[in-house]
Amino acid sequence: MTGILARNSSAELALADGLFADEDGAVRCKWCAATPGYRHYHDNEWGFPVTDDRRLFEKLCLEGFQAGLSWITILNKRENFRAAFANFEAERIVRFGQDDVERLMADAGIVRHRGKIESVINNAQRVIELRKEFGSLATYAWKFEPEPESRPESVTLDLLRTATTSPQSIAMSKDLKKRGWSFVGPTTVYAFMQAMGLVNDHIEGCEARTRAAEARIALYR
């Protein structure tokens, strides 16, 4: 069952499970219904392919901070995180010392978790090492993109309920940990893959799904 299934006499939309229609009539994945900012993130970022190293590193760091929390909590604090962590420019973060850790622990605008803060500083050094080996973080990350035939043609609510990891996210997590990264478990890495467009997990019928797919085609071109 996909997309808009019927329109009743009240002009209300009967939608597939996992979808909702906002006041503007756009059909979206239901998980973004909470706030306009969440919907904007869903419509313009989540699932669209990213090859910019700074954005990829930022997302890996923020997914680490999300562990045990909701993404909307992190998204609402994203600008604070950017200000606190030098816009996630790895070359600047590697110069952070213990004074910076204490400064960040006192910053109420971010998630004050010492292990996660220290993880960002550690991972900044690791991403620089990856760039030396692969040329860019993007080159490294996208080599874990699933083969198209390994992905279902239609993403359903059942898939989104059960798929919190994948063979590729498990492999990438294992490799990152081997290279000294922290807070990069398979679930964290899969969420990173979803958000950065390595997979397109917008539910079938969501209007962003087609646009994300078109962006992937344009990327390959």
C-alpha atoms as a PDB file:
ATOM      1  CA  MET A   1       0.000   0.000   0.000  1.00  0.00           C
ATOM      2  CA  THR A   2       1.682   3.214  -1.054  1.00  0.00           C
ATOM      3  CA  GLY A   3       1.090   6.911  -1.409  1.00  0.00           C
ATOM      4  CA  ILE A   4      -2.306   8.567  -1.283  1.00  0.00           C
ATOM      5  CA  LEU A   5      -4.889   5.807  -1.268  1.00  0.00           C
ATOM      6  CA  ALA A   6      -8.136   7.730  -1.320  1.00  0.00           C
ATOM      7  CA  ARG A   7      -9.716  11.104  -0.715  1.00  0.00           C
ATOM      8  CA  ASN A   8     -12.929  11.121   1.280  1.00  0.00           C
ATOM      9  CA  SER A   9     -15.778  13.639   1.173  1.00  0.00           C
ATOM     10  CA  SER A  10     -14.076  15.760   3.829  1.00  0.00           C
ATOM     11  CA  ALA A  11     -11.056  16.058   1.551  1.00  0.00           C
ATOM     12  CA  GLU A  12      -8.969  14.290   4.162  1.00  0.00           C
ATOM     13  CA  LEU A  13      -6.194  12.068   2.897  1.00  0.00           C
ATOM     14  CA  ALA A  14      -6.180   8.364   3.628  1.00  0.00           C
ATOM     15  CA  LEU A  15      -2.502   7.507   3.650  1.00  0.00           C
ATOM     16  CA  ALA A  16      -0.350   4.440   3.912  1.00  0.00           C
ATOM     17  CA  ASP A  17       0.976   3.603   7.362  1.00  0.00           C
ATOM     18  CA  GLY A  18       3.951   5.728   8.288  1.00  0.00           C
ATOM     19  CA  LEU A  19       2.867   8.748   6.235  1.00  0.00           C
ATOM     20  CA  PHE A  20       1.015  11.963   7.052  1.00  0.00           C
ATOM     21  CA  ALA A  21      -0.162  15.031   5.159  1.00  0.00           C
ATOM     22  CA  ASP A  22       0.625  18.462   6.580  1.00  0.00           C
ATOM     23  CA  GLU A  23      -1.438  21.631   6.197  1.00  0.00           C
ATOM     24  CA  ASP A  24       0.340  22.286   2.903  1.00  0.00           C
ATOM     25  CA  GLY A  25      -0.895  18.940   1.584  1.00  0.00           C
ATOM     26  CA  ALA A  26       2.594  17.463   1.228  1.00  0.00           C
ATOM     27  CA  VAL A  27       2.855  13.768   2.068  1.00  0.00           C
ATOM     28  CA  ARG A  28       5.769  13.004   4.371  1.00  0.00           C
ATOM     29  CA  CYS A  29       7.214  10.273   6.569  1.00  0.00           C
ATOM     30  CA  LYS A  30       5.316  10.440   9.848  1.00  0.00           C
ATOM     31  CA  TRP A  31       8.440  10.602  12.017  1.00  0.00           C
ATOM     32  CA  CYS A  32       8.959  14.282  11.077  1.00  0.00           C
ATOM     33  CA  ALA A  33       5.478  15.470  12.093  1.00  0.00           C
ATOM     34  CA  ALA A  34       6.470  16.998  15.427  1.00  0.00           C
ATOM     35  CA  THR A  35       7.670  20.473  14.378  1.00  0.00           C
ATOM     36  CA  PRO A  36       8.104  22.632  11.257  1.00  0.00           C
ATOM     37  CA  GLY A  37      11.871  22.487  11.752  1.00  0.00           C
ATOM     38  CA  TYR A  38      11.772  18.701  11.800  1.00  0.00           C
ATOM     39  CA  ARG A  39       9.717  18.683   8.602  1.00  0.00           C
ATOM     40  CA  HIS A  40      12.189  21.059   6.938  1.00  0.00           C
ATOM     41  CA  TYR A  41      15.039  18.713   7.871  1.00  0.00           C
ATOM     42  CA  HIS A  42      13.103  15.761   6.447  1.00  0.00           C
ATOM     43  CA  ASP A  43      12.224  17.603   3.225  1.00  0.00           C
ATOM     44  CA  ASN A  44      15.655  19.045   2.471  1.00  0.00           C
ATOM     45  CA  GLU A  45      18.346  16.994   4.171  1.00  0.00           C
ATOM     46  CA  TRP A  46      17.445  13.515   5.371  1.00  0.00           C
ATOM     47  CA  GLY A  47      18.133  10.913   2.681  1.00  0.00           C
ATOM     48  CA  PHE A  48      19.692  13.330   0.192  1.00  0.00           C
ATOM     49  CA  PRO A  49      23.233  12.306  -0.847  1.00  0.00           C
ATOM     50  CA  VAL A  50      26.082  14.219   0.781  1.00  0.00           C
ATOM     51  CA  THR A  51      29.719  14.191  -0.335  1.00  0.00           C
ATOM     52  CA  ASP A  52      30.946  17.192   1.666  1.00  0.00           C
ATOM     53  CA  ASP A  53      33.496  16.045   4.253  1.00  0.00           C
ATOM     54  CA  ARG A  54      32.562  18.628   6.873  1.00  0.00           C
ATOM     55  CA  ARG A  55      28.895  17.665   6.768  1.00  0.00           C
ATOM     56  CA  LEU A  56      29.696  13.961   6.869  1.00  0.00           C
ATOM     57  CA  PHE A  57      31.973  14.390   9.880  1.00  0.00           C
ATOM     58  CA  GLU A  58      29.421  16.590  11.612  1.00  0.00           C
ATOM     59  CA  LYS A  59      26.724  13.984  11.125  1.00  0.00           C
ATOM     60  CA  LEU A  60      28.856  11.161  12.486  1.00  0.00           C
ATOM     61  CA  CYS A  61      29.605  13.271  15.552  1.00  0.00           C
ATOM     62  CA  LEU A  62      25.992  14.309  16.094  1.00  0.00           C
ATOM     63  CA  GLU A  63      24.748  10.748  15.668  1.00  0.00           C
ATOM     64  CA  GLY A  64      27.194   9.820  18.425  1.00  0.00           C
ATOM     65  CA  PHE A  65      25.674  12.498  20.646  1.00  0.00           C
ATOM     66  CA  GLN A  66      22.212  11.199  19.809  1.00  0.00           C
ATOM     67  CA  ALA A  67      22.912   7.799  21.373  1.00  0.00           C
ATOM     68  CA  GLY A  68      20.243   7.355  24.053  1.00  0.00           C
ATOM     69  CA  LEU A  69      18.394  10.504  22.935  1.00  0.00           C
ATOM     70  CA  SER A  70      16.035  11.522  20.124  1.00  0.00           C
ATOM     71  CA  TRP A  71      17.324  13.096  16.916  1.00  0.00           C
ATOM     72  CA  ILE A  72      15.003  16.084  17.293  1.00  0.00           C
ATOM     73  CA  THR A  73      16.801  16.934  20.548  1.00  0.00           C
ATOM     74  CA  ILE A  74      20.122  17.043  18.721  1.00  0.00           C
ATOM     75  CA  LEU A  75      18.685  18.842  15.700  1.00  0.00           C
ATOM     76  CA  ASN A  76      17.311  21.602  17.935  1.00  0.00           C
ATOM     77  CA  LYS A  77      20.802  22.082  19.361  1.00  0.00           C
ATOM     78  CA  ARG A  78      22.693  21.716  16.080  1.00  0.00           C
ATOM     79  CA  GLU A  79      23.708  25.371  15.749  1.00  0.00           C
ATOM     80  CA  ASN A  80      24.972  25.294  19.331  1.00  0.00           C
ATOM     81  CA  PHE A  81      27.015  22.195  18.533  1.00  0.00           C
ATOM     82  CA  ARG A  82      28.479  23.895  15.470  1.00  0.00           C
ATOM     83  CA  ALA A  83      29.511  26.924  17.500  1.00  0.00           C
ATOM     84  CA  ALA A  84      30.966  24.762  20.272  1.00  0.00           C
ATOM     85  CA  PHE A  85      32.906  22.420  17.963  1.00  0.00           C
ATOM     86  CA  ALA A  86      34.456  24.902  15.493  1.00  0.00           C
ATOM     87  CA  ASN A  87      31.825  24.102  12.848  1.00  0.00           C
ATOM     88  CA  PHE A  88      33.081  20.505  12.907  1.00  0.00           C
ATOM     89  CA  GLU A  89      36.262  21.391  11.054  1.00  0.00           C
ATOM     90  CA  ALA A  90      38.492  18.499  12.048  1.00  0.00           C
ATOM     91  CA  GLU A  91      41.746  20.434  11.668  1.00  0.00           C
ATOM     92  CA  ARG A  92      40.574  22.900  14.326  1.00  0.00           C
ATOM     93  CA  ILE A  93      39.072  20.336  16.662  1.00  0.00           C
ATOM     94  CA  VAL A  94      42.295  18.313  16.908  1.00  0.00           C
ATOM     95  CA  ARG A  95      43.835  21.322  18.654  1.00  0.00           C
ATOM     96  CA  PHE A  96      41.260  21.128  21.456  1.00  0.00           C
ATOM     97  CA  GLY A  97      42.761  20.411  24.862  1.00  0.00           C
ATOM     98  CA  GLN A  98      41.499  19.682  28.341  1.00  0.00           C
ATOM     99  CA  ASP A  99      40.471  23.308  28.829  1.00  0.00           C
ATOM    100  CA  ASP A 100      38.198  22.950  25.813  1.00  0.00           C
ATOM    101  CA  VAL A 101      36.685  19.771  27.235  1.00  0.00           C
ATOM    102  CA  GLU A 102      35.859  21.609  30.455  1.00  0.00           C
ATOM    103  CA  ARG A 103      34.483  24.552  28.471  1.00  0.00           C
ATOM    104  CA  LEU A 104      32.191  22.202  26.569  1.00  0.00           C
ATOM    105  CA  MET A 105      31.128  20.422  29.746  1.00  0.00           C
ATOM    106  CA  ALA A 106      29.889  23.799  30.975  1.00  0.00           C
ATOM    107  CA  ASP A 107      28.033  24.619  27.744  1.00  0.00           C
ATOM    108  CA  ALA A 108      24.302  24.235  28.403  1.00  0.00           C
ATOM    109  CA  GLY A 109      23.580  24.598  24.678  1.00  0.00           C
ATOM    110  CA  ILE A 110      24.901  21.133  23.854  1.00  0.00           C
ATOM    111  CA  VAL A 111      24.687  17.645  25.356  1.00  0.00           C
ATOM    112  CA  ARG A 112      27.190  17.696  28.221  1.00  0.00           C
ATOM    113  CA  HIS A 113      28.521  14.152  28.116  1.00  0.00           C
ATOM    114  CA  ARG A 114      32.266  13.931  28.695  1.00  0.00           C
ATOM    115  CA  GLY A 115      32.731  10.692  26.808  1.00  0.00           C
ATOM    116  CA  LYS A 116      30.908  11.997  23.724  1.00  0.00           C
ATOM    117  CA  ILE A 117      32.775  15.331  23.834  1.00  0.00           C
ATOM    118  CA  GLU A 118      36.123  13.572  24.031  1.00  0.00           C
ATOM    119  CA  SER A 119      34.981  11.247  21.255  1.00  0.00           C
ATOM    120  CA  VAL A 120      34.561  14.174  18.840  1.00  0.00           C
ATOM    121  CA  ILE A 121      38.119  15.310  19.548  1.00  0.00           C
ATOM    122  CA  ASN A 122      39.440  11.790  19.077  1.00  0.00           C
ATOM    123  CA  ASN A 123      37.447  11.240  15.900  1.00  0.00           C
ATOM    124  CA  ALA A 124      38.708  14.515  14.429  1.00  0.00           C
ATOM    125  CA  GLN A 125      42.198  13.023  14.400  1.00  0.00           C
ATOM    126  CA  ARG A 126      40.873   9.795  12.962  1.00  0.00           C
ATOM    127  CA  VAL A 127      39.102  11.600  10.086  1.00  0.00           C
ATOM    128  CA  ILE A 128      42.330  13.363   9.174  1.00  0.00           C
ATOM    129  CA  GLU A 129      44.022   9.966   9.036  1.00  0.00           C
ATOM    130  CA  LEU A 130      41.231   8.658   6.786  1.00  0.00           C
ATOM    131  CA  ARG A 131      41.690  11.580   4.403  1.00  0.00           C
ATOM    132  CA  LYS A 132      45.378  10.802   4.074  1.00  0.00           C
ATOM    133  CA  GLU A 133      44.544   7.223   3.138  1.00  0.00           C
ATOM    134  CA  PHE A 134      41.430   7.683   0.971  1.00  0.00           C
ATOM    135  CA  GLY A 135      41.631  11.301  -0.137  1.00  0.00           C
ATOM    136  CA  SER A 136      38.408  12.260   1.634  1.00  0.00           C
ATOM    137  CA  LEU A 137      35.950  11.040   4.212  1.00  0.00           C
ATOM    138  CA  ALA A 138      33.359  10.939   1.429  1.00  0.00           C
ATOM    139  CA  THR A 139      35.413   8.469  -0.602  1.00  0.00           C
ATOM    140  CA  TYR A 140      35.726   6.243   2.440  1.00  0.00           C
ATOM    141  CA  ALA A 141      32.073   6.452   3.537  1.00  0.00           C
ATOM    142  CA  TRP A 142      30.523   5.942   0.109  1.00  0.00           C
ATOM    143  CA  LYS A 143      32.420   2.718  -0.468  1.00  0.00           C
ATOM    144  CA  PHE A 144      29.984   1.248   2.065  1.00  0.00           C
ATOM    145  CA  GLU A 145      26.935   2.229  -0.006  1.00  0.00           C
ATOM    146  CA  PRO A 146      24.776  -0.881  -0.544  1.00  0.00           C
ATOM    147  CA  GLU A 147      24.500  -2.284  -4.035  1.00  0.00           C
ATOM    148  CA  PRO A 148      21.122  -1.249  -5.513  1.00  0.00           C
ATOM    149  CA  GLU A 149      19.967  -4.837  -5.929  1.00  0.00           C
ATOM    150  CA  SER A 150      20.519  -5.455  -2.213  1.00  0.00           C
ATOM    151  CA  ARG A 151      17.952  -2.787  -1.260  1.00  0.00           C
ATOM    152  CA  PRO A 152      14.170  -3.274  -1.421  1.00  0.00           C
ATOM    153  CA  GLU A 153      12.484  -1.310  -4.198  1.00  0.00           C
ATOM    154  CA  SER A 154       9.767  -0.036  -1.885  1.00  0.00           C
ATOM    155  CA  VAL A 155      10.537   1.088   1.645  1.00  0.00           C
ATOM    156  CA  THR A 156       7.677   0.152   3.953  1.00  0.00           C
ATOM    157  CA  LEU A 157       6.866   0.947   7.548  1.00  0.00           C
ATOM    158  CA  ASP A 158       7.782  -2.600   8.536  1.00  0.00           C
ATOM    159  CA  LEU A 159      11.283  -2.055   7.125  1.00  0.00           C
ATOM    160  CA  LEU A 160      11.694   1.161   9.099  1.00  0.00           C
ATOM    161  CA  ARG A 161      10.532  -0.603  12.244  1.00  0.00           C
ATOM    162  CA  THR A 162      13.058  -3.399  11.907  1.00  0.00           C
ATOM    163  CA  ALA A 163      16.013  -1.957   9.989  1.00  0.00           C
ATOM    164  CA  THR A 164      18.226  -0.191  12.486  1.00  0.00           C
ATOM    165  CA  THR A 165      21.386  -1.740  11.096  1.00  0.00           C
ATOM    166  CA  SER A 166      22.502  -3.304   7.836  1.00  0.00           C
ATOM    167  CA  PRO A 167      25.429  -5.490   6.747  1.00  0.00           C
ATOM    168  CA  GLN A 168      27.075  -2.336   5.425  1.00  0.00           C
ATOM    169  CA  SER A 169      26.607  -0.343   8.630  1.00  0.00           C
ATOM    170  CA  ILE A 170      27.963  -3.261  10.637  1.00  0.00           C
ATOM    171  CA  ALA A 171      30.996  -3.461   8.342  1.00  0.00           C
ATOM    172  CA  MET A 172      31.614   0.297   8.460  1.00  0.00           C
ATOM    173  CA  SER A 173      31.212   0.388  12.243  1.00  0.00           C
ATOM    174  CA  LYS A 174      33.652  -2.468  12.664  1.00  0.00           C
ATOM    175  CA  ASP A 175      36.193  -0.813  10.379  1.00  0.00           C
ATOM    176  CA  LEU A 176      35.884   2.597  12.054  1.00  0.00           C
ATOM    177  CA  LYS A 177      36.371   1.068  15.498  1.00  0.00           C
ATOM    178  CA  LYS A 178      39.404  -0.794  14.196  1.00  0.00           C
ATOM    179  CA  ARG A 179      40.793   2.592  13.110  1.00  0.00           C
ATOM    180  CA  GLY A 180      40.284   4.055  16.586  1.00  0.00           C
ATOM    181  CA  TRP A 181      36.917   5.829  16.200  1.00  0.00           C
ATOM    182  CA  SER A 182      34.467   5.847  19.111  1.00  0.00           C
ATOM    183  CA  PHE A 183      30.675   6.161  19.415  1.00  0.00           C
ATOM    184  CA  VAL A 184      30.251   4.603  15.974  1.00  0.00           C
ATOM    185  CA  GLY A 185      28.171   1.511  16.647  1.00  0.00           C
ATOM    186  CA  PRO A 186      26.224  -0.186  13.813  1.00  0.00           C
ATOM    187  CA  THR A 187      22.950   1.596  14.697  1.00  0.00           C
ATOM    188  CA  THR A 188      24.683   4.981  14.801  1.00  0.00           C
ATOM    189  CA  VAL A 189      26.337   4.294  11.459  1.00  0.00           C
ATOM    190  CA  TYR A 190      23.065   3.159   9.870  1.00  0.00           C
ATOM    191  CA  ALA A 191      21.361   6.364  10.998  1.00  0.00           C
ATOM    192  CA  PHE A 192      24.277   8.244   9.417  1.00  0.00           C
ATOM    193  CA  MET A 193      23.775   6.309   6.166  1.00  0.00           C
ATOM    194  CA  GLN A 194      20.056   7.112   6.138  1.00  0.00           C
ATOM    195  CA  ALA A 195      20.604  10.805   6.771  1.00  0.00           C
ATOM    196  CA  MET A 196      23.494  11.261   4.337  1.00  0.00           C
ATOM    197  CA  GLY A 197      21.748   9.489   1.473  1.00  0.00           C
ATOM    198  CA  LEU A 198      23.798   6.315   1.273  1.00  0.00           C
ATOM    199  CA  VAL A 199      20.384   4.666   1.484  1.00  0.00           C
ATOM    200  CA  ASN A 200      16.991   6.164   0.662  1.00  0.00           C
ATOM    201  CA  ASP A 201      14.688   5.161   3.499  1.00  0.00           C
ATOM    202  CA  HIS A 202      11.904   7.647   2.853  1.00  0.00           C
ATOM    203  CA  ILE A 203       8.715   5.584   2.897  1.00  0.00           C
ATOM    204  CA  GLU A 204       7.177   4.810  -0.482  1.00  0.00           C
ATOM    205  CA  GLY A 205       4.635   7.549  -1.111  1.00  0.00           C
ATOM    206  CA  CYS A 206       6.604  10.237   0.709  1.00  0.00           C
ATOM    207  CA  GLU A 207       7.169  13.125  -1.687  1.00  0.00           C
ATOM    208  CA  ALA A 208      10.797  13.496  -0.592  1.00  0.00           C
ATOM    209  CA  ARG A 209      11.571   9.907  -1.626  1.00  0.00           C
ATOM    210  CA  THR A 210      11.440  10.688  -5.351  1.00  0.00           C
ATOM    211  CA  ARG A 211      13.488  13.857  -4.957  1.00  0.00           C
ATOM    212  CA  ALA A 212      16.113  12.005  -2.938  1.00  0.00           C
ATOM    213  CA  ALA A 213      16.276   9.307  -5.614  1.00  0.00           C
ATOM    214  CA  GLU A 214      16.705  11.963  -8.311  1.00  0.00           C
ATOM    215  CA  ALA A 215      19.503  13.565  -6.308  1.00  0.00           C
ATOM    216  CA  ARG A 216      21.287  10.218  -6.164  1.00  0.00           C
ATOM    217  CA  ILE A 217      21.004   9.858  -9.942  1.00  0.00           C
ATOM    218  CA  ALA A 218      22.410  13.353 -10.385  1.00  0.00           C
ATOM    219  CA  LEU A 219      25.268  12.490  -8.045  1.00  0.00           C
ATOM    220  CA  TYR A 220      26.236   9.466 -10.097  1.00  0.00           C
ATOM    221  CA  ARG A 221      26.167  11.546 -13.276  1.00  0.00           C
END
